[in-house]
Amino acid sequence: MPVFAAGQWLTAQLLNNQFQSLQAHSPLDSGTVTNSSFTQTRSGATSPVGKAFVAPTSGIVRVSWHAACRNSLNFSLVSFGIRTGGTVGTGADYLIASDDLSLQWDTNANDRHWGMSHPVGGLTPGATYNAVLWFRVGGGSTATISRCSIDITPET
């Protein structure tokens, strides 16, 4: 919840930065992943799944992401990364996708839908960033990943 000081000017930009919730999703969009290292691409699907945002005055956002996955041979991971700039999927890395920040499915996941969220701090207030989903699988396997979404919510 935002905290405002007595006598503080409440501008449209300040309020928008505090109360924005930006979401990108591809609920009916299904694609396959065969990479054993993280990639933004799912073959046959709209890629990347991401959203540009302006860092709030607190410099903290909460990133929430969801996906469904099917992989009968090995594990599958869906993580997120944050880059500088307003073009989704490009820019300098601020936070890279990692196994530690991943939705994880074991073999025979059978299209289960999962989600999680994670706070990200230290962003420069007023600077533009973009958050994007990254995908990878265990070696030699193919995952079908669908119903992807990513949501960025400012925190105080």
Protein backbone atom coordinates (compact mmCIF):
# COMPACT_ATOMS: atom_id res chain seq x y z
CA MET A 1 0.00 0.00 0.00
CA PRO A 2 1.44 3.40 -0.97
CA VAL A 3 2.36 5.86 1.76
CA PHE A 4 1.96 9.55 0.97
CA ALA A 5 3.22 12.43 3.12
CA ALA A 6 1.00 15.24 4.40
CA GLY A 7 1.21 18.16 1.98
CA GLN A 8 2.75 16.02 -0.78
CA TRP A 9 1.62 16.86 -4.31
CA LEU A 10 -0.19 13.87 -5.80
CA THR A 11 0.49 14.01 -9.51
CA ALA A 12 -0.98 11.68 -12.10
CA GLN A 13 2.47 10.19 -12.73
CA LEU A 14 3.02 9.48 -9.02
CA LEU A 15 -0.37 7.81 -8.69
CA ASN A 16 0.06 5.82 -11.90
CA ASN A 17 3.48 4.60 -10.76
CA GLN A 18 2.06 3.52 -7.40
CA PHE A 19 -1.10 1.79 -8.60
CA GLN A 20 -0.21 0.36 -11.99
CA SER A 21 -0.49 -3.35 -12.58
CA LEU A 22 0.97 -4.36 -15.91
CA GLN A 23 0.26 -7.77 -17.34
CA ALA A 24 1.21 -9.62 -20.49
CA HIS A 25 -0.30 -12.99 -21.20
CA SER A 26 -0.84 -15.59 -23.88
CA PRO A 27 -3.62 -17.77 -22.43
CA LEU A 28 -4.43 -19.64 -25.65
CA ASP A 29 -0.89 -19.56 -27.00
CA SER A 30 0.96 -22.88 -26.88
CA GLY A 31 4.52 -23.54 -28.02
CA THR A 32 7.38 -25.97 -27.60
CA VAL A 33 10.80 -25.61 -26.01
CA THR A 34 13.80 -27.88 -26.63
CA ASN A 35 16.62 -25.66 -25.28
CA SER A 36 18.55 -26.87 -22.25
CA SER A 37 19.64 -23.27 -21.57
CA PHE A 38 17.16 -20.46 -21.02
CA THR A 39 15.47 -18.97 -24.09
CA GLN A 40 12.63 -16.49 -24.61
CA THR A 41 11.35 -18.47 -27.58
CA ARG A 42 8.66 -21.15 -27.72
CA SER A 43 8.39 -22.61 -31.23
CA GLY A 44 4.94 -22.04 -32.69
CA ALA A 45 3.98 -19.43 -30.08
CA THR A 46 4.01 -15.69 -29.69
CA SER A 47 7.34 -14.77 -28.14
CA PRO A 48 8.48 -13.16 -26.03
CA VAL A 49 5.91 -13.03 -23.24
CA GLY A 50 6.75 -9.85 -21.35
CA LYS A 51 5.84 -6.31 -20.43
CA ALA A 52 7.65 -2.98 -20.24
CA PHE A 53 7.15 -0.92 -17.07
CA VAL A 54 8.36 2.21 -15.30
CA ALA A 55 9.96 1.59 -11.91
CA PRO A 56 7.91 3.10 -9.08
CA THR A 57 9.30 5.62 -6.60
CA SER A 58 10.07 2.78 -4.17
CA GLY A 59 12.29 1.02 -6.74
CA ILE A 60 10.50 -2.25 -5.89
CA VAL A 61 8.11 -4.35 -7.98
CA ARG A 62 6.55 -7.76 -7.47
CA VAL A 63 6.78 -10.02 -10.51
CA SER A 64 4.18 -12.79 -10.73
CA TRP A 65 4.25 -15.39 -13.48
CA HIS A 66 2.20 -18.42 -14.49
CA ALA A 67 2.38 -21.17 -17.08
CA ALA A 68 1.17 -24.66 -17.90
CA CYS A 69 3.59 -27.33 -19.06
CA ARG A 70 3.73 -30.86 -20.46
CA ASN A 71 7.00 -32.78 -20.83
CA SER A 72 7.04 -36.58 -20.75
CA LEU A 73 10.82 -37.08 -20.87
CA ASN A 74 12.50 -34.62 -18.49
CA PHE A 75 12.01 -31.52 -16.32
CA SER A 76 10.89 -28.07 -17.52
CA LEU A 77 11.50 -24.59 -16.08
CA VAL A 78 9.86 -21.19 -16.59
CA SER A 79 11.65 -18.21 -15.08
CA PHE A 80 11.69 -14.46 -15.70
CA GLY A 81 14.31 -11.83 -16.33
CA ILE A 82 14.36 -8.05 -16.15
CA ARG A 83 16.21 -5.88 -18.64
CA THR A 84 16.64 -2.15 -19.08
CA GLY A 85 14.60 -0.28 -21.66
CA GLY A 86 11.09 -0.39 -23.00
CA THR A 87 11.43 -3.02 -25.74
CA VAL A 88 10.39 -6.40 -24.38
CA GLY A 89 13.15 -8.99 -24.57
CA THR A 90 15.99 -6.56 -25.25
CA GLY A 91 18.29 -4.31 -23.23
CA ALA A 92 20.99 -4.86 -20.63
CA ASP A 93 20.29 -7.57 -18.07
CA TYR A 94 19.22 -6.31 -14.65
CA LEU A 95 18.09 -9.70 -13.32
CA ILE A 96 18.74 -12.86 -15.33
CA ALA A 97 16.50 -15.93 -15.47
CA SER A 98 17.66 -18.70 -13.15
CA ASP A 99 16.73 -22.14 -11.93
CA ASP A 100 16.33 -20.66 -8.44
CA LEU A 101 13.57 -18.31 -9.66
CA SER A 102 11.67 -20.87 -11.73
CA LEU A 103 8.40 -22.68 -11.92
CA GLN A 104 9.54 -26.30 -12.12
CA TRP A 105 7.80 -29.35 -13.55
CA ASP A 106 9.09 -32.89 -13.23
CA THR A 107 8.76 -35.59 -15.86
CA ASN A 108 5.14 -36.36 -16.84
CA ALA A 109 3.88 -33.00 -15.56
CA ASN A 110 0.74 -33.56 -17.65
CA ASP A 111 -0.05 -29.91 -18.39
CA ARG A 112 -0.24 -28.68 -14.80
CA HIS A 113 -0.70 -24.92 -14.36
CA TRP A 114 1.55 -23.24 -11.77
CA GLY A 115 2.40 -19.73 -10.67
CA MET A 116 4.63 -17.85 -8.28
CA SER A 117 5.78 -14.33 -7.45
CA HIS A 118 8.99 -12.66 -6.39
CA PRO A 119 9.89 -9.12 -5.28
CA VAL A 120 12.61 -7.27 -7.18
CA GLY A 121 14.23 -4.22 -5.60
CA GLY A 122 16.95 -1.74 -6.37
CA LEU A 123 15.31 -0.47 -9.56
CA THR A 124 15.94 3.17 -10.45
CA PRO A 125 12.69 5.09 -9.80
CA GLY A 126 11.25 6.46 -13.05
CA ALA A 127 13.51 4.29 -15.25
CA THR A 128 11.97 1.99 -17.87
CA TYR A 129 12.54 -1.77 -17.67
CA ASN A 130 11.00 -4.84 -19.25
CA ALA A 131 10.21 -8.21 -17.67
CA VAL A 132 10.08 -11.30 -19.87
CA LEU A 133 9.55 -15.04 -19.40
CA TRP A 134 12.40 -17.48 -20.09
CA PHE A 135 12.05 -21.23 -20.71
CA ARG A 136 14.31 -24.30 -20.57
CA VAL A 137 14.07 -28.09 -20.39
CA GLY A 138 16.18 -31.02 -19.29
CA GLY A 139 18.53 -32.26 -22.02
CA GLY A 140 17.01 -34.14 -24.93
CA SER A 141 13.40 -33.35 -24.12
CA THR A 142 10.60 -31.21 -25.52
CA ALA A 143 8.12 -29.27 -23.40
CA THR A 144 4.81 -27.83 -24.51
CA ILE A 145 4.31 -24.62 -22.53
CA SER A 146 1.05 -22.68 -22.67
CA ARG A 147 -1.18 -20.22 -20.78
CA CYS A 148 1.78 -17.99 -19.92
CA SER A 149 1.43 -14.68 -18.11
CA ILE A 150 3.63 -12.19 -16.32
CA ASP A 151 2.38 -9.42 -14.05
CA ILE A 152 4.36 -6.50 -12.63
CA THR A 153 2.95 -4.72 -9.59
CA PRO A 154 4.66 -1.77 -7.84
CA GLU A 155 5.43 -2.17 -4.14
CA THR A 156 6.21 0.40 -1.49
